[in-house]
Amino acid sequence: MRGHPAEDSPKCGDVYYVCQRCTACCKWPGDVCLETDEVERIAAFLQLGVAEFTERYTRLRANRTGLSLIDKGDSHECIMLDGADCRLQSVKPGQCRGFPNTWNFPGWEKLCEAIPVPIAERPQTNEDSVDGPLAAGPPD
């Protein structure tokens, strides 16, 4: 994972951070960990076989316990970041959906534009579940 569990952050707890898609987390060094079901779902979304997706877009995690998305060239930018948009927005990995609420990195508050709201006011979005209507596949 690119950072640390969110419990390490003193601001988490009764607050939920609403993502503003600023892409700061997409440019932080580290692993974008992929689970087996995520590899299959992302490959299908990109209309690739699992083997082709794995070869083109993944690498072994730094701790050698699974796959991670690769970075673009010599930067730390995620390979799936296209300008200010994620190519995988509707099927993005759980790690990405969880930032900064389930994980974050030291100093993330200075880079991330997420807006804190009381947990009781947390918005429900299609990003809360990859089974929502946005997970149907790529646009025609």
C-alpha atoms as a PDB file:
ATOM      1  CA  MET A   1       0.000   0.000   0.000  1.00  0.00           C
ATOM      2  CA  ARG A   2       1.192   3.505  -0.695  1.00  0.00           C
ATOM      3  CA  GLY A   3       0.708   4.717   2.888  1.00  0.00           C
ATOM      4  CA  HIS A   4      -0.540   3.815   6.336  1.00  0.00           C
ATOM      5  CA  PRO A   5      -3.888   2.743   7.788  1.00  0.00           C
ATOM      6  CA  ALA A   6      -6.110   5.761   8.389  1.00  0.00           C
ATOM      7  CA  GLU A   7      -6.310   4.953  12.092  1.00  0.00           C
ATOM      8  CA  ASP A   8      -2.847   6.535  12.351  1.00  0.00           C
ATOM      9  CA  SER A   9      -4.386   9.891  11.443  1.00  0.00           C
ATOM     10  CA  PRO A  10      -5.688  11.918  14.374  1.00  0.00           C
ATOM     11  CA  LYS A  11      -8.350  13.493  12.133  1.00  0.00           C
ATOM     12  CA  CYS A  12     -10.108  10.228  11.249  1.00  0.00           C
ATOM     13  CA  GLY A  13     -12.896   8.782  13.360  1.00  0.00           C
ATOM     14  CA  ASP A  14     -16.051  10.883  13.404  1.00  0.00           C
ATOM     15  CA  VAL A  15     -15.089  12.515  10.114  1.00  0.00           C
ATOM     16  CA  TYR A  16     -15.421  11.225   6.569  1.00  0.00           C
ATOM     17  CA  TYR A  17     -13.325  12.785   3.811  1.00  0.00           C
ATOM     18  CA  VAL A  18     -15.121  13.349   0.509  1.00  0.00           C
ATOM     19  CA  CYS A  19     -12.782  12.878  -2.446  1.00  0.00           C
ATOM     20  CA  GLN A  20     -12.441  15.869  -4.784  1.00  0.00           C
ATOM     21  CA  ARG A  21     -10.424  13.866  -7.364  1.00  0.00           C
ATOM     22  CA  CYS A  22      -7.350  16.076  -6.913  1.00  0.00           C
ATOM     23  CA  THR A  23      -5.128  13.055  -7.850  1.00  0.00           C
ATOM     24  CA  ALA A  24      -2.598  13.625  -5.023  1.00  0.00           C
ATOM     25  CA  CYS A  25      -2.927   9.997  -3.906  1.00  0.00           C
ATOM     26  CA  CYS A  26      -2.417   8.842  -7.518  1.00  0.00           C
ATOM     27  CA  LYS A  27       1.041  10.422  -7.546  1.00  0.00           C
ATOM     28  CA  TRP A  28       2.349   9.243  -4.186  1.00  0.00           C
ATOM     29  CA  PRO A  29       5.175   6.646  -4.283  1.00  0.00           C
ATOM     30  CA  GLY A  30       4.376   3.074  -3.295  1.00  0.00           C
ATOM     31  CA  ASP A  31       2.148   0.191  -4.233  1.00  0.00           C
ATOM     32  CA  VAL A  32      -1.401   0.291  -5.566  1.00  0.00           C
ATOM     33  CA  CYS A  33      -2.267  -3.160  -4.264  1.00  0.00           C
ATOM     34  CA  LEU A  34      -4.570  -5.304  -6.376  1.00  0.00           C
ATOM     35  CA  GLU A  35      -6.595  -8.214  -5.071  1.00  0.00           C
ATOM     36  CA  THR A  36      -7.306 -11.198  -7.347  1.00  0.00           C
ATOM     37  CA  ASP A  37     -10.950 -10.229  -7.938  1.00  0.00           C
ATOM     38  CA  GLU A  38      -9.837  -6.670  -8.771  1.00  0.00           C
ATOM     39  CA  VAL A  39      -7.362  -7.912 -11.385  1.00  0.00           C
ATOM     40  CA  GLU A  40     -10.123  -9.876 -13.100  1.00  0.00           C
ATOM     41  CA  ARG A  41     -12.645  -7.005 -12.904  1.00  0.00           C
ATOM     42  CA  ILE A  42     -10.179  -4.376 -14.182  1.00  0.00           C
ATOM     43  CA  ALA A  43      -8.976  -6.619 -17.005  1.00  0.00           C
ATOM     44  CA  ALA A  44     -12.569  -7.194 -18.121  1.00  0.00           C
ATOM     45  CA  PHE A  45     -13.317  -3.449 -17.906  1.00  0.00           C
ATOM     46  CA  LEU A  46     -10.289  -2.714 -20.122  1.00  0.00           C
ATOM     47  CA  GLN A  47     -11.417  -5.513 -22.441  1.00  0.00           C
ATOM     48  CA  LEU A  48      -8.180  -7.433 -21.873  1.00  0.00           C
ATOM     49  CA  GLY A  49      -7.470 -10.954 -20.775  1.00  0.00           C
ATOM     50  CA  VAL A  50      -6.108 -11.336 -17.242  1.00  0.00           C
ATOM     51  CA  ALA A  51      -2.691 -12.402 -18.540  1.00  0.00           C
ATOM     52  CA  GLU A  52      -2.412  -9.426 -20.918  1.00  0.00           C
ATOM     53  CA  PHE A  53      -3.558  -6.944 -18.254  1.00  0.00           C
ATOM     54  CA  THR A  54      -1.126  -8.407 -15.727  1.00  0.00           C
ATOM     55  CA  GLU A  55       1.798  -8.240 -18.154  1.00  0.00           C
ATOM     56  CA  ARG A  56       1.075  -4.694 -19.381  1.00  0.00           C
ATOM     57  CA  TYR A  57      -0.069  -2.908 -16.228  1.00  0.00           C
ATOM     58  CA  THR A  58       1.177  -4.681 -13.092  1.00  0.00           C
ATOM     59  CA  ARG A  59       4.325  -5.563 -11.200  1.00  0.00           C
ATOM     60  CA  LEU A  60       5.152  -7.517  -8.086  1.00  0.00           C
ATOM     61  CA  ARG A  61       4.495  -5.504  -4.907  1.00  0.00           C
ATOM     62  CA  ALA A  62       7.530  -4.249  -3.008  1.00  0.00           C
ATOM     63  CA  ASN A  63       6.844  -6.830  -0.270  1.00  0.00           C
ATOM     64  CA  ARG A  64       6.445  -9.555  -2.923  1.00  0.00           C
ATOM     65  CA  THR A  65       3.002 -10.623  -1.654  1.00  0.00           C
ATOM     66  CA  GLY A  66       0.880  -9.750  -4.676  1.00  0.00           C
ATOM     67  CA  LEU A  67       0.424  -7.437  -7.627  1.00  0.00           C
ATOM     68  CA  SER A  68       0.501  -3.661  -7.834  1.00  0.00           C
ATOM     69  CA  LEU A  69      -0.315  -1.272 -10.682  1.00  0.00           C
ATOM     70  CA  ILE A  70       2.818   0.077 -12.320  1.00  0.00           C
ATOM     71  CA  ASP A  71       3.860   3.730 -12.352  1.00  0.00           C
ATOM     72  CA  LYS A  72       4.193   5.883 -15.461  1.00  0.00           C
ATOM     73  CA  GLY A  73       7.806   6.003 -16.627  1.00  0.00           C
ATOM     74  CA  ASP A  74      10.168   7.398 -14.003  1.00  0.00           C
ATOM     75  CA  SER A  75       7.420   9.181 -12.055  1.00  0.00           C
ATOM     76  CA  HIS A  76       5.343   7.877  -9.150  1.00  0.00           C
ATOM     77  CA  GLU A  77       2.145   8.631 -11.072  1.00  0.00           C
ATOM     78  CA  CYS A  78      -0.245   5.699 -11.465  1.00  0.00           C
ATOM     79  CA  ILE A  79      -0.338   4.195 -14.954  1.00  0.00           C
ATOM     80  CA  MET A  80      -4.129   4.561 -14.951  1.00  0.00           C
ATOM     81  CA  LEU A  81      -4.108   8.317 -14.311  1.00  0.00           C
ATOM     82  CA  ASP A  82      -5.052  10.188 -17.489  1.00  0.00           C
ATOM     83  CA  GLY A  83      -4.608  13.893 -16.767  1.00  0.00           C
ATOM     84  CA  ALA A  84      -6.979  14.511 -13.859  1.00  0.00           C
ATOM     85  CA  ASP A  85      -9.065  11.406 -14.569  1.00  0.00           C
ATOM     86  CA  CYS A  86      -8.693   7.781 -13.537  1.00  0.00           C
ATOM     87  CA  ARG A  87      -9.159   5.361 -16.415  1.00  0.00           C
ATOM     88  CA  LEU A  88     -10.540   2.922 -13.839  1.00  0.00           C
ATOM     89  CA  GLN A  89     -12.855   5.301 -11.964  1.00  0.00           C
ATOM     90  CA  SER A  90     -15.856   2.975 -12.032  1.00  0.00           C
ATOM     91  CA  VAL A  91     -13.811  -0.152 -11.170  1.00  0.00           C
ATOM     92  CA  LYS A  92     -10.824   1.304  -9.335  1.00  0.00           C
ATOM     93  CA  PRO A  93      -9.131  -0.823  -6.667  1.00  0.00           C
ATOM     94  CA  GLY A  94     -10.444  -0.766  -3.111  1.00  0.00           C
ATOM     95  CA  GLN A  95      -7.236   0.877  -1.970  1.00  0.00           C
ATOM     96  CA  CYS A  96      -7.949   3.830  -4.249  1.00  0.00           C
ATOM     97  CA  ARG A  97     -11.623   4.040  -3.246  1.00  0.00           C
ATOM     98  CA  GLY A  98     -10.588   4.113   0.410  1.00  0.00           C
ATOM     99  CA  PHE A  99      -8.191   7.070   0.375  1.00  0.00           C
ATOM    100  CA  PRO A 100      -7.902   8.917   2.767  1.00  0.00           C
ATOM    101  CA  ASN A 101     -10.546   7.237   4.929  1.00  0.00           C
ATOM    102  CA  THR A 102      -9.092   3.727   5.133  1.00  0.00           C
ATOM    103  CA  TRP A 103      -5.444   4.574   4.465  1.00  0.00           C
ATOM    104  CA  ASN A 104      -3.268   7.643   3.968  1.00  0.00           C
ATOM    105  CA  PHE A 105       0.343   8.799   4.014  1.00  0.00           C
ATOM    106  CA  PRO A 106       2.207  11.207   6.285  1.00  0.00           C
ATOM    107  CA  GLY A 107       1.402  14.773   5.286  1.00  0.00           C
ATOM    108  CA  TRP A 108      -1.542  13.808   3.070  1.00  0.00           C
ATOM    109  CA  GLU A 109      -3.633  16.652   4.500  1.00  0.00           C
ATOM    110  CA  LYS A 110      -1.246  19.178   2.915  1.00  0.00           C
ATOM    111  CA  LEU A 111      -1.635  17.624  -0.559  1.00  0.00           C
ATOM    112  CA  CYS A 112      -5.125  16.175  -0.665  1.00  0.00           C
ATOM    113  CA  GLU A 113      -8.184  18.329  -1.368  1.00  0.00           C
ATOM    114  CA  ALA A 114     -10.680  15.924   0.247  1.00  0.00           C
ATOM    115  CA  ILE A 115     -13.349  17.749   2.218  1.00  0.00           C
ATOM    116  CA  PRO A 116     -14.030  16.592   5.797  1.00  0.00           C
ATOM    117  CA  VAL A 117     -17.680  16.098   6.715  1.00  0.00           C
ATOM    118  CA  PRO A 118     -19.251  14.596   9.854  1.00  0.00           C
ATOM    119  CA  ILE A 119     -19.549  10.835   9.410  1.00  0.00           C
ATOM    120  CA  ALA A 120     -23.349  11.151   9.797  1.00  0.00           C
ATOM    121  CA  GLU A 121     -23.370  13.368   6.684  1.00  0.00           C
ATOM    122  CA  ARG A 122     -21.266  11.002   4.595  1.00  0.00           C
ATOM    123  CA  PRO A 123     -22.578  11.000   1.024  1.00  0.00           C
ATOM    124  CA  GLN A 124     -23.527   7.659  -0.494  1.00  0.00           C
ATOM    125  CA  THR A 125     -22.068   7.298  -3.979  1.00  0.00           C
ATOM    126  CA  ASN A 126     -21.601   4.635  -6.627  1.00  0.00           C
ATOM    127  CA  GLU A 127     -17.943   4.537  -5.573  1.00  0.00           C
ATOM    128  CA  ASP A 128     -18.979   2.961  -2.273  1.00  0.00           C
ATOM    129  CA  SER A 129     -19.524  -0.297  -4.121  1.00  0.00           C
ATOM    130  CA  VAL A 130     -18.004  -1.603  -7.313  1.00  0.00           C
ATOM    131  CA  ASP A 131     -21.306  -3.374  -7.881  1.00  0.00           C
ATOM    132  CA  GLY A 132     -23.060  -0.037  -8.428  1.00  0.00           C
ATOM    133  CA  PRO A 133     -24.307   1.121 -11.835  1.00  0.00           C
ATOM    134  CA  LEU A 134     -20.933   2.579 -12.816  1.00  0.00           C
ATOM    135  CA  ALA A 135     -19.308  -0.861 -12.704  1.00  0.00           C
ATOM    136  CA  ALA A 136     -21.072  -2.052 -15.865  1.00  0.00           C
ATOM    137  CA  GLY A 137     -18.066  -1.549 -18.161  1.00  0.00           C
ATOM    138  CA  PRO A 138     -16.357   0.965 -20.400  1.00  0.00           C
ATOM    139  CA  PRO A 139     -18.447   3.582 -22.172  1.00  0.00           C
ATOM    140  CA  ASP A 140     -19.479   2.740 -25.732  1.00  0.00           C
END
